[in-house]
Amino acid sequence: MSKATATATATATDDIINALKQLDTPQLFKILKAALAEVEKSHKSHKNQKRTENTTDTPSKKKTGSQPKGAVPPQLRKPRAWVEYTLKNAQENGWDSFTIAQKKKDKETGTTTEELIEMPASVLHNGTYIYKDSITEKTPEGRPIIHKEAMSLSKHLKQTNHPSYTEFEASYTEQ
């Protein structure tokens, strides 16, 4: 900005301030509202101009986010395959008793307690392995192992170095 332009701008600003001092309150609010609208409009156009400059100059970066539905992240492929192997093996050959660690949070106090649930071993009933003593009026065929329980069983088998984990390791190939 040249010196002459700066002087003219300062004089114009002084004239506007002097004129504002002579206005009453409703007129000042009207001018204030109009000035604020102009500032917002100018700010938005300036912001949009910056945004378009940034998008044309820099190459677009790939956005990171969640995996597509159904896709398994690479770090979870082997653990998931182990659980599936354990479930299939338990359904075909039965299982020994194992312990499930379950955490419960008290809503009132906020304290978390962990309880250990002893899951019974399996028995063969009508060609299917089911939990021992699970035949009831409600479940006349007994209750087989489910995926959630197979997760706990697989953890137990891995921690105890069960031979089935060694078999799985030998047969597992990275996909």
N, C-alpha and C. Protein backbone atom coordinates (compact mmCIF):
# COMPACT_ATOMS: atom_id res chain seq x y z
N MET A 1 0.85 -1.16 0.00
CA MET A 1 0.00 0.00 0.00
C MET A 1 0.90 1.23 0.00
N SER A 2 0.59 2.17 -0.88
CA SER A 2 1.41 3.38 -0.96
C SER A 2 1.07 4.32 0.19
N LYS A 3 1.95 5.30 0.39
CA LYS A 3 1.77 6.25 1.48
C LYS A 3 0.51 7.08 1.28
N ALA A 4 0.23 7.47 0.03
CA ALA A 4 -0.95 8.28 -0.28
C ALA A 4 -2.22 7.49 -0.02
N THR A 5 -2.24 6.20 -0.38
CA THR A 5 -3.41 5.35 -0.16
C THR A 5 -3.64 5.16 1.33
N ALA A 6 -2.56 4.96 2.09
CA ALA A 6 -2.67 4.78 3.53
C ALA A 6 -3.24 6.04 4.19
N THR A 7 -2.80 7.21 3.74
CA THR A 7 -3.29 8.47 4.30
C THR A 7 -4.77 8.65 3.97
N ALA A 8 -5.17 8.30 2.75
CA ALA A 8 -6.56 8.44 2.33
C ALA A 8 -7.45 7.49 3.13
N THR A 9 -6.96 6.28 3.37
CA THR A 9 -7.72 5.29 4.13
C THR A 9 -7.89 5.76 5.57
N ALA A 10 -6.82 6.29 6.17
CA ALA A 10 -6.88 6.79 7.54
C ALA A 10 -7.87 7.94 7.65
N THR A 11 -7.87 8.84 6.65
CA THR A 11 -8.79 9.97 6.66
C THR A 11 -10.22 9.49 6.54
N ALA A 12 -10.46 8.51 5.64
CA ALA A 12 -11.81 7.97 5.46
C ALA A 12 -12.29 7.28 6.74
N THR A 13 -11.40 6.55 7.40
CA THR A 13 -11.75 5.88 8.65
C THR A 13 -12.11 6.91 9.72
N ASP A 14 -11.30 7.97 9.81
CA ASP A 14 -11.59 9.04 10.78
C ASP A 14 -12.95 9.68 10.51
N ASP A 15 -13.26 9.92 9.22
CA ASP A 15 -14.54 10.53 8.85
C ASP A 15 -15.70 9.61 9.25
N ILE A 16 -15.53 8.30 9.05
CA ILE A 16 -16.60 7.34 9.39
C ILE A 16 -16.81 7.33 10.90
N ILE A 17 -15.72 7.32 11.68
CA ILE A 17 -15.83 7.30 13.14
C ILE A 17 -16.53 8.56 13.64
N ASN A 18 -16.18 9.72 13.07
CA ASN A 18 -16.82 10.97 13.46
C ASN A 18 -18.31 10.94 13.13
N ALA A 19 -18.67 10.36 11.98
CA ALA A 19 -20.07 10.28 11.60
C ALA A 19 -20.83 9.33 12.54
N LEU A 20 -20.18 8.25 12.96
CA LEU A 20 -20.81 7.30 13.87
C LEU A 20 -21.11 7.93 15.22
N LYS A 21 -20.26 8.81 15.66
CA LYS A 21 -20.46 9.45 16.96
C LYS A 21 -21.72 10.31 16.99
N GLN A 22 -22.18 10.70 15.84
CA GLN A 22 -23.34 11.58 15.78
C GLN A 22 -24.67 10.82 15.62
N LEU A 23 -24.59 9.47 15.46
CA LEU A 23 -25.80 8.67 15.26
C LEU A 23 -26.41 8.24 16.60
N ASP A 24 -27.72 8.01 16.58
CA ASP A 24 -28.35 7.49 17.79
C ASP A 24 -28.26 5.96 17.81
N THR A 25 -28.65 5.32 18.91
CA THR A 25 -28.46 3.89 19.13
C THR A 25 -29.08 3.00 18.06
N PRO A 26 -30.35 3.18 17.67
CA PRO A 26 -30.90 2.29 16.63
C PRO A 26 -30.13 2.37 15.31
N GLN A 27 -29.67 3.55 14.94
CA GLN A 27 -28.90 3.69 13.70
C GLN A 27 -27.55 3.00 13.82
N LEU A 28 -26.92 3.09 15.00
CA LEU A 28 -25.63 2.43 15.22
C LEU A 28 -25.78 0.90 15.11
N PHE A 29 -26.86 0.35 15.70
CA PHE A 29 -27.09 -1.09 15.60
C PHE A 29 -27.30 -1.52 14.15
N LYS A 30 -28.00 -0.72 13.39
CA LYS A 30 -28.24 -1.04 11.99
C LYS A 30 -26.92 -1.08 11.21
N ILE A 31 -26.07 -0.09 11.46
CA ILE A 31 -24.77 -0.04 10.78
C ILE A 31 -23.88 -1.20 11.25
N LEU A 32 -23.92 -1.47 12.55
CA LEU A 32 -23.13 -2.57 13.11
C LEU A 32 -23.52 -3.91 12.48
N LYS A 33 -24.82 -4.13 12.32
CA LYS A 33 -25.32 -5.36 11.71
C LYS A 33 -24.84 -5.49 10.26
N ALA A 34 -24.94 -4.38 9.51
CA ALA A 34 -24.51 -4.39 8.12
C ALA A 34 -23.01 -4.63 8.01
N ALA A 35 -22.24 -4.01 8.91
CA ALA A 35 -20.78 -4.18 8.88
C ALA A 35 -20.42 -5.63 9.21
N LEU A 36 -21.09 -6.23 10.20
CA LEU A 36 -20.82 -7.61 10.57
C LEU A 36 -21.14 -8.56 9.42
N ALA A 37 -22.24 -8.31 8.72
CA ALA A 37 -22.60 -9.15 7.57
C ALA A 37 -21.53 -9.06 6.49
N GLU A 38 -20.99 -7.88 6.26
CA GLU A 38 -19.92 -7.71 5.26
C GLU A 38 -18.66 -8.45 5.67
N VAL A 39 -18.33 -8.39 6.96
CA VAL A 39 -17.13 -9.08 7.44
C VAL A 39 -17.28 -10.59 7.27
N GLU A 40 -18.46 -11.12 7.63
CA GLU A 40 -18.69 -12.56 7.48
C GLU A 40 -18.61 -13.00 6.02
N LYS A 41 -19.19 -12.20 5.14
CA LYS A 41 -19.16 -12.51 3.72
C LYS A 41 -17.72 -12.51 3.20
N SER A 42 -16.96 -11.52 3.60
CA SER A 42 -15.57 -11.41 3.18
C SER A 42 -14.76 -12.58 3.72
N HIS A 43 -15.00 -12.94 4.98
CA HIS A 43 -14.28 -14.05 5.61
C HIS A 43 -14.58 -15.37 4.91
N LYS A 44 -15.85 -15.61 4.58
CA LYS A 44 -16.23 -16.85 3.91
C LYS A 44 -15.59 -16.95 2.53
N SER A 45 -15.61 -15.87 1.77
CA SER A 45 -15.03 -15.92 0.44
C SER A 45 -13.52 -16.10 0.52
N HIS A 46 -12.89 -15.49 1.53
CA HIS A 46 -11.45 -15.65 1.70
C HIS A 46 -11.13 -17.10 2.09
N LYS A 47 -11.94 -17.67 2.94
CA LYS A 47 -11.75 -19.06 3.38
C LYS A 47 -11.92 -20.02 2.20
N ASN A 48 -12.95 -19.81 1.40
CA ASN A 48 -13.18 -20.66 0.23
C ASN A 48 -12.05 -20.53 -0.77
N GLN A 49 -11.53 -19.33 -0.92
CA GLN A 49 -10.42 -19.11 -1.85
C GLN A 49 -9.20 -19.89 -1.38
N LYS A 50 -8.90 -19.86 -0.10
CA LYS A 50 -7.77 -20.62 0.44
C LYS A 50 -7.96 -22.11 0.24
N ARG A 51 -9.19 -22.58 0.45
CA ARG A 51 -9.48 -24.00 0.31
C ARG A 51 -9.23 -24.45 -1.12
N THR A 52 -9.68 -23.69 -2.10
CA THR A 52 -9.48 -24.09 -3.50
C THR A 52 -8.01 -24.00 -3.87
N GLU A 53 -7.28 -23.04 -3.30
CA GLU A 53 -5.84 -22.97 -3.57
C GLU A 53 -5.14 -24.20 -3.02
N ASN A 54 -5.50 -24.62 -1.84
CA ASN A 54 -4.88 -25.79 -1.22
C ASN A 54 -5.19 -27.08 -1.98
N THR A 55 -6.38 -27.22 -2.49
CA THR A 55 -6.74 -28.46 -3.17
C THR A 55 -6.11 -28.56 -4.55
N THR A 56 -5.85 -27.46 -5.21
CA THR A 56 -5.27 -27.53 -6.55
C THR A 56 -3.76 -27.67 -6.50
N ASP A 57 -3.11 -27.15 -5.44
CA ASP A 57 -1.66 -27.18 -5.38
C ASP A 57 -1.11 -28.49 -4.83
N THR A 58 -1.79 -29.08 -3.86
CA THR A 58 -1.26 -30.29 -3.23
C THR A 58 -2.01 -31.52 -3.72
N PRO A 59 -1.29 -32.62 -3.89
CA PRO A 59 -1.99 -33.84 -4.28
C PRO A 59 -2.88 -34.31 -3.14
N SER A 60 -3.99 -34.92 -3.50
CA SER A 60 -4.94 -35.36 -2.47
C SER A 60 -4.37 -36.56 -1.72
N LYS A 61 -4.55 -36.54 -0.40
CA LYS A 61 -4.09 -37.64 0.43
C LYS A 61 -5.24 -38.62 0.61
N LYS A 62 -4.89 -39.89 0.69
CA LYS A 62 -5.90 -40.90 0.90
C LYS A 62 -6.37 -40.79 2.35
N LYS A 63 -7.68 -40.74 2.54
CA LYS A 63 -8.23 -40.65 3.89
C LYS A 63 -8.15 -42.01 4.55
N THR A 64 -7.75 -41.98 5.82
CA THR A 64 -7.74 -43.22 6.57
C THR A 64 -9.03 -43.31 7.35
N GLY A 65 -9.47 -44.49 7.57
CA GLY A 65 -10.72 -44.69 8.29
C GLY A 65 -10.91 -46.14 8.61
N SER A 66 -12.11 -46.52 8.82
CA SER A 66 -12.39 -47.90 9.19
C SER A 66 -12.32 -48.80 7.96
N GLN A 67 -12.10 -50.06 8.24
CA GLN A 67 -12.02 -51.06 7.18
C GLN A 67 -13.40 -51.22 6.54
N PRO A 68 -13.43 -51.65 5.29
CA PRO A 68 -14.73 -51.98 4.69
C PRO A 68 -15.40 -53.09 5.49
N LYS A 69 -16.71 -53.09 5.48
CA LYS A 69 -17.46 -54.06 6.27
C LYS A 69 -17.09 -55.48 5.85
N GLY A 70 -16.78 -56.30 6.83
CA GLY A 70 -16.44 -57.69 6.57
C GLY A 70 -14.96 -57.92 6.34
N ALA A 71 -14.16 -56.88 6.13
CA ALA A 71 -12.73 -57.05 5.91
C ALA A 71 -12.03 -57.24 7.25
N VAL A 72 -11.08 -58.14 7.29
CA VAL A 72 -10.34 -58.42 8.51
C VAL A 72 -8.97 -57.74 8.39
N PRO A 73 -8.62 -56.89 9.36
CA PRO A 73 -7.29 -56.26 9.32
C PRO A 73 -6.19 -57.31 9.38
N PRO A 74 -5.06 -57.06 8.76
CA PRO A 74 -3.99 -58.06 8.70
C PRO A 74 -3.55 -58.58 10.07
N GLN A 75 -3.51 -57.70 11.07
CA GLN A 75 -3.03 -58.11 12.39
C GLN A 75 -4.02 -59.02 13.12
N LEU A 76 -5.25 -59.11 12.63
CA LEU A 76 -6.25 -59.96 13.29
C LEU A 76 -6.53 -61.26 12.53
N ARG A 77 -5.90 -61.44 11.37
CA ARG A 77 -6.19 -62.63 10.57
C ARG A 77 -5.81 -63.92 11.29
N LYS A 78 -4.62 -63.96 11.83
CA LYS A 78 -4.17 -65.20 12.50
C LYS A 78 -4.97 -65.47 13.77
N PRO A 79 -5.18 -64.49 14.67
CA PRO A 79 -6.00 -64.78 15.86
C PRO A 79 -7.42 -65.23 15.50
N ARG A 80 -8.00 -64.62 14.49
CA ARG A 80 -9.35 -65.01 14.09
C ARG A 80 -9.35 -66.43 13.52
N ALA A 81 -8.34 -66.76 12.73
CA ALA A 81 -8.23 -68.11 12.17
C ALA A 81 -8.06 -69.13 13.30
N TRP A 82 -7.32 -68.76 14.35
CA TRP A 82 -7.12 -69.66 15.48
C TRP A 82 -8.45 -69.93 16.20
N VAL A 83 -9.25 -68.90 16.39
CA VAL A 83 -10.56 -69.08 17.04
C VAL A 83 -11.45 -69.97 16.19
N GLU A 84 -11.47 -69.74 14.89
CA GLU A 84 -12.29 -70.57 13.99
C GLU A 84 -11.82 -72.02 14.00
N TYR A 85 -10.50 -72.22 14.03
CA TYR A 85 -9.92 -73.56 14.10
C TYR A 85 -10.34 -74.24 15.41
N THR A 86 -10.28 -73.48 16.51
CA THR A 86 -10.65 -74.02 17.82
C THR A 86 -12.13 -74.41 17.85
N LEU A 87 -12.99 -73.55 17.31
CA LEU A 87 -14.42 -73.83 17.29
C LEU A 87 -14.71 -75.10 16.49
N LYS A 88 -14.13 -75.19 15.31
CA LYS A 88 -14.35 -76.36 14.46
C LYS A 88 -13.83 -77.62 15.13
N ASN A 89 -12.64 -77.54 15.72
CA ASN A 89 -12.04 -78.68 16.39
C ASN A 89 -12.89 -79.11 17.59
N ALA A 90 -13.41 -78.15 18.35
CA ALA A 90 -14.25 -78.46 19.52
C ALA A 90 -15.56 -79.11 19.09
N GLN A 91 -16.13 -78.63 17.99
CA GLN A 91 -17.39 -79.21 17.50
C GLN A 91 -17.19 -80.63 17.00
N GLU A 92 -16.02 -80.91 16.45
CA GLU A 92 -15.74 -82.24 15.90
C GLU A 92 -15.20 -83.22 16.93
N ASN A 93 -14.40 -82.73 17.89
CA ASN A 93 -13.69 -83.63 18.82
C ASN A 93 -14.01 -83.39 20.29
N GLY A 94 -14.82 -82.38 20.61
CA GLY A 94 -15.11 -82.09 22.00
C GLY A 94 -14.05 -81.19 22.61
N TRP A 95 -14.19 -80.91 23.91
CA TRP A 95 -13.27 -80.02 24.60
C TRP A 95 -13.23 -80.36 26.08
N ASP A 96 -12.13 -79.98 26.71
CA ASP A 96 -11.99 -80.14 28.16
C ASP A 96 -12.58 -78.91 28.83
N SER A 97 -12.76 -78.98 30.14
CA SER A 97 -13.28 -77.82 30.85
C SER A 97 -12.27 -76.67 30.76
N PHE A 98 -12.77 -75.46 30.78
CA PHE A 98 -11.92 -74.28 30.69
C PHE A 98 -12.57 -73.15 31.46
N THR A 99 -11.83 -72.10 31.70
CA THR A 99 -12.30 -70.97 32.49
C THR A 99 -12.47 -69.75 31.61
N ILE A 100 -13.58 -69.03 31.82
CA ILE A 100 -13.83 -67.76 31.13
C ILE A 100 -13.72 -66.65 32.16
N ALA A 101 -12.91 -65.65 31.85
CA ALA A 101 -12.80 -64.47 32.72
C ALA A 101 -13.79 -63.44 32.20
N GLN A 102 -14.72 -63.05 33.05
CA GLN A 102 -15.75 -62.10 32.64
C GLN A 102 -15.70 -60.89 33.57
N LYS A 103 -15.65 -59.70 32.95
CA LYS A 103 -15.61 -58.47 33.74
C LYS A 103 -17.01 -57.88 33.80
N LYS A 104 -17.38 -57.42 35.00
CA LYS A 104 -18.66 -56.77 35.19
C LYS A 104 -18.42 -55.42 35.84
N LYS A 105 -19.12 -54.39 35.35
CA LYS A 105 -18.98 -53.05 35.91
C LYS A 105 -20.25 -52.69 36.65
N ASP A 106 -20.10 -52.29 37.90
CA ASP A 106 -21.24 -51.85 38.71
C ASP A 106 -21.61 -50.44 38.26
N LYS A 107 -22.83 -50.26 37.78
CA LYS A 107 -23.27 -48.97 37.24
C LYS A 107 -23.30 -47.87 38.30
N GLU A 108 -23.61 -48.24 39.54
CA GLU A 108 -23.72 -47.24 40.60
C GLU A 108 -22.36 -46.78 41.12
N THR A 109 -21.47 -47.70 41.38
CA THR A 109 -20.17 -47.34 41.95
C THR A 109 -19.09 -47.15 40.89
N GLY A 110 -19.28 -47.75 39.73
CA GLY A 110 -18.29 -47.64 38.66
C GLY A 110 -17.12 -48.61 38.82
N THR A 111 -17.18 -49.48 39.80
CA THR A 111 -16.09 -50.44 40.00
C THR A 111 -16.27 -51.65 39.09
N THR A 112 -15.15 -52.15 38.63
CA THR A 112 -15.15 -53.31 37.75
C THR A 112 -14.66 -54.52 38.53
N THR A 113 -15.42 -55.59 38.45
CA THR A 113 -15.02 -56.83 39.10
C THR A 113 -14.88 -57.91 38.03
N GLU A 114 -13.94 -58.80 38.26
CA GLU A 114 -13.72 -59.89 37.31
C GLU A 114 -14.11 -61.19 37.98
N GLU A 115 -14.96 -61.92 37.31
CA GLU A 115 -15.34 -63.22 37.85
C GLU A 115 -14.89 -64.31 36.89
N LEU A 116 -14.51 -65.43 37.45
CA LEU A 116 -14.07 -66.57 36.65
C LEU A 116 -15.20 -67.58 36.59
N ILE A 117 -15.57 -67.94 35.38
CA ILE A 117 -16.65 -68.90 35.18
C ILE A 117 -16.03 -70.19 34.65
N GLU A 118 -16.26 -71.27 35.36
CA GLU A 118 -15.74 -72.57 34.95
C GLU A 118 -16.73 -73.22 33.98
N MET A 119 -16.30 -73.39 32.74
CA MET A 119 -17.13 -74.02 31.72
C MET A 119 -16.86 -75.52 31.75
N PRO A 120 -17.93 -76.34 31.75
CA PRO A 120 -17.73 -77.79 31.84
C PRO A 120 -17.20 -78.38 30.53
N ALA A 121 -16.67 -79.56 30.65
CA ALA A 121 -16.18 -80.29 29.47
C ALA A 121 -17.36 -80.73 28.61
N SER A 122 -17.05 -81.26 27.46
CA SER A 122 -18.10 -81.70 26.54
C SER A 122 -18.38 -83.19 26.70
N VAL A 123 -19.57 -83.55 26.24
CA VAL A 123 -19.96 -84.97 26.14
C VAL A 123 -20.59 -85.16 24.77
N LEU A 124 -20.49 -86.36 24.25
CA LEU A 124 -21.08 -86.67 22.95
C LEU A 124 -22.53 -87.08 23.16
N HIS A 125 -23.44 -86.38 22.47
CA HIS A 125 -24.87 -86.66 22.62
C HIS A 125 -25.51 -86.61 21.22
N ASN A 126 -26.05 -87.72 20.77
CA ASN A 126 -26.68 -87.82 19.43
C ASN A 126 -25.75 -87.33 18.32
N GLY A 127 -24.47 -87.64 18.41
CA GLY A 127 -23.52 -87.28 17.36
C GLY A 127 -22.99 -85.86 17.43
N THR A 128 -23.36 -85.12 18.46
CA THR A 128 -22.92 -83.74 18.61
C THR A 128 -22.31 -83.55 19.99
N TYR A 129 -21.22 -82.78 20.03
CA TYR A 129 -20.62 -82.49 21.33
C TYR A 129 -21.37 -81.31 21.96
N ILE A 130 -21.75 -81.51 23.21
CA ILE A 130 -22.48 -80.48 23.96
C ILE A 130 -21.84 -80.35 25.34
N TYR A 131 -22.20 -79.28 26.04
CA TYR A 131 -21.72 -79.13 27.42
C TYR A 131 -22.32 -80.22 28.30
N LYS A 132 -21.49 -80.73 29.20
CA LYS A 132 -21.95 -81.74 30.16
C LYS A 132 -23.06 -81.12 31.01
N ASP A 133 -24.11 -81.85 31.26
CA ASP A 133 -25.25 -81.42 32.08
C ASP A 133 -26.02 -80.24 31.48
N SER A 134 -25.95 -80.07 30.16
CA SER A 134 -26.68 -78.96 29.55
C SER A 134 -28.04 -79.39 28.99
N ILE A 135 -28.37 -80.66 29.12
CA ILE A 135 -29.67 -81.14 28.65
C ILE A 135 -30.72 -80.77 29.70
N THR A 136 -31.62 -79.90 29.28
CA THR A 136 -32.69 -79.45 30.18
C THR A 136 -34.00 -79.49 29.40
N GLU A 137 -35.06 -79.11 30.09
CA GLU A 137 -36.36 -79.03 29.42
C GLU A 137 -36.33 -77.97 28.32
N LYS A 138 -35.62 -76.90 28.60
CA LYS A 138 -35.53 -75.80 27.63
C LYS A 138 -34.63 -76.18 26.44
N THR A 139 -33.56 -76.93 26.71
CA THR A 139 -32.65 -77.38 25.65
C THR A 139 -32.53 -78.90 25.70
N PRO A 140 -33.50 -79.60 25.11
CA PRO A 140 -33.48 -81.07 25.18
C PRO A 140 -32.31 -81.70 24.41
N GLU A 141 -31.76 -80.99 23.44
CA GLU A 141 -30.62 -81.52 22.69
C GLU A 141 -29.30 -81.10 23.31
N GLY A 142 -29.34 -80.32 24.38
CA GLY A 142 -28.10 -79.84 25.00
C GLY A 142 -27.61 -78.58 24.33
N ARG A 143 -26.59 -77.99 24.93
CA ARG A 143 -26.08 -76.72 24.40
C ARG A 143 -24.67 -76.92 23.87
N PRO A 144 -24.47 -76.68 22.57
CA PRO A 144 -23.11 -76.79 22.01
C PRO A 144 -22.30 -75.52 22.31
N ILE A 145 -21.03 -75.59 22.03
CA ILE A 145 -20.16 -74.43 22.22
C ILE A 145 -20.48 -73.37 21.16
N ILE A 146 -20.40 -72.11 21.54
CA ILE A 146 -20.65 -71.02 20.60
C ILE A 146 -19.35 -70.27 20.35
N HIS A 147 -19.37 -69.38 19.38
CA HIS A 147 -18.18 -68.65 18.97
C HIS A 147 -17.55 -67.88 20.13
N LYS A 148 -18.36 -67.18 20.90
CA LYS A 148 -17.83 -66.40 22.02
C LYS A 148 -17.07 -67.29 23.01
N GLU A 149 -17.61 -68.46 23.29
CA GLU A 149 -16.96 -69.39 24.21
C GLU A 149 -15.72 -70.00 23.57
N ALA A 150 -15.76 -70.17 22.25
CA ALA A 150 -14.59 -70.69 21.54
C ALA A 150 -13.43 -69.70 21.62
N MET A 151 -13.75 -68.42 21.71
CA MET A 151 -12.69 -67.42 21.87
C MET A 151 -11.97 -67.63 23.20
N SER A 152 -12.73 -67.87 24.26
CA SER A 152 -12.12 -68.11 25.57
C SER A 152 -11.38 -69.44 25.58
N LEU A 153 -11.96 -70.44 24.95
CA LEU A 153 -11.30 -71.75 24.87
C LEU A 153 -9.98 -71.63 24.10
N SER A 154 -9.98 -70.88 23.01
CA SER A 154 -8.75 -70.73 22.22
C SER A 154 -7.67 -70.01 23.03
N LYS A 155 -8.07 -69.03 23.82
CA LYS A 155 -7.11 -68.32 24.69
C LYS A 155 -6.53 -69.29 25.71
N HIS A 156 -7.40 -70.08 26.31
CA HIS A 156 -6.96 -71.07 27.31
C HIS A 156 -6.00 -72.08 26.68
N LEU A 157 -6.33 -72.59 25.51
CA LEU A 157 -5.48 -73.59 24.85
C LEU A 157 -4.12 -73.00 24.48
N LYS A 158 -4.11 -71.77 24.03
CA LYS A 158 -2.85 -71.13 23.65
C LYS A 158 -1.97 -70.90 24.88
N GLN A 159 -2.58 -70.44 25.98
CA GLN A 159 -1.81 -70.17 27.20
C GLN A 159 -1.25 -71.43 27.83
N THR A 160 -1.94 -72.55 27.65
CA THR A 160 -1.47 -73.80 28.24
C THR A 160 -0.62 -74.63 27.27
N ASN A 161 -0.27 -74.03 26.13
CA ASN A 161 0.54 -74.72 25.10
C ASN A 161 -0.05 -76.06 24.72
N HIS A 162 -1.33 -76.07 24.45
CA HIS A 162 -2.04 -77.28 24.05
C HIS A 162 -1.52 -77.74 22.69
N PRO A 163 -1.44 -79.06 22.45
CA PRO A 163 -0.95 -79.56 21.16
C PRO A 163 -1.75 -79.04 19.95
N SER A 164 -3.03 -78.74 20.14
CA SER A 164 -3.82 -78.25 19.01
C SER A 164 -3.32 -76.90 18.51
N TYR A 165 -2.72 -76.08 19.40
CA TYR A 165 -2.17 -74.80 18.94
C TYR A 165 -0.94 -75.03 18.08
N THR A 166 -0.14 -76.01 18.44
CA THR A 166 1.03 -76.36 17.63
C THR A 166 0.58 -76.85 16.25
N GLU A 167 -0.48 -77.67 16.22
CA GLU A 167 -1.03 -78.14 14.94
C GLU A 167 -1.52 -76.97 14.10
N PHE A 168 -2.20 -76.04 14.74
CA PHE A 168 -2.70 -74.87 14.02
C PHE A 168 -1.54 -74.06 13.44
N GLU A 169 -0.52 -73.81 14.26
CA GLU A 169 0.64 -73.03 13.81
C GLU A 169 1.29 -73.68 12.59
N ALA A 170 1.38 -74.98 12.60
CA ALA A 170 2.00 -75.71 11.49
C ALA A 170 1.15 -75.62 10.22
N SER A 171 -0.17 -75.61 10.39
CA SER A 171 -1.05 -75.61 9.22
C SER A 171 -1.42 -74.22 8.73
N TYR A 172 -1.21 -73.18 9.55
CA TYR A 172 -1.65 -71.83 9.18
C TYR A 172 -0.71 -71.22 8.16
N THR A 173 -1.30 -70.68 7.10
CA THR A 173 -0.52 -69.94 6.09
C THR A 173 -1.13 -68.54 5.98
N GLU A 174 -0.24 -67.56 5.91
CA GLU A 174 -0.67 -66.14 5.80
C GLU A 174 -1.39 -65.95 4.47
N GLN A 175 -2.49 -65.23 4.50
CA GLN A 175 -3.28 -65.04 3.27
C GLN A 175 -3.04 -63.70 2.68
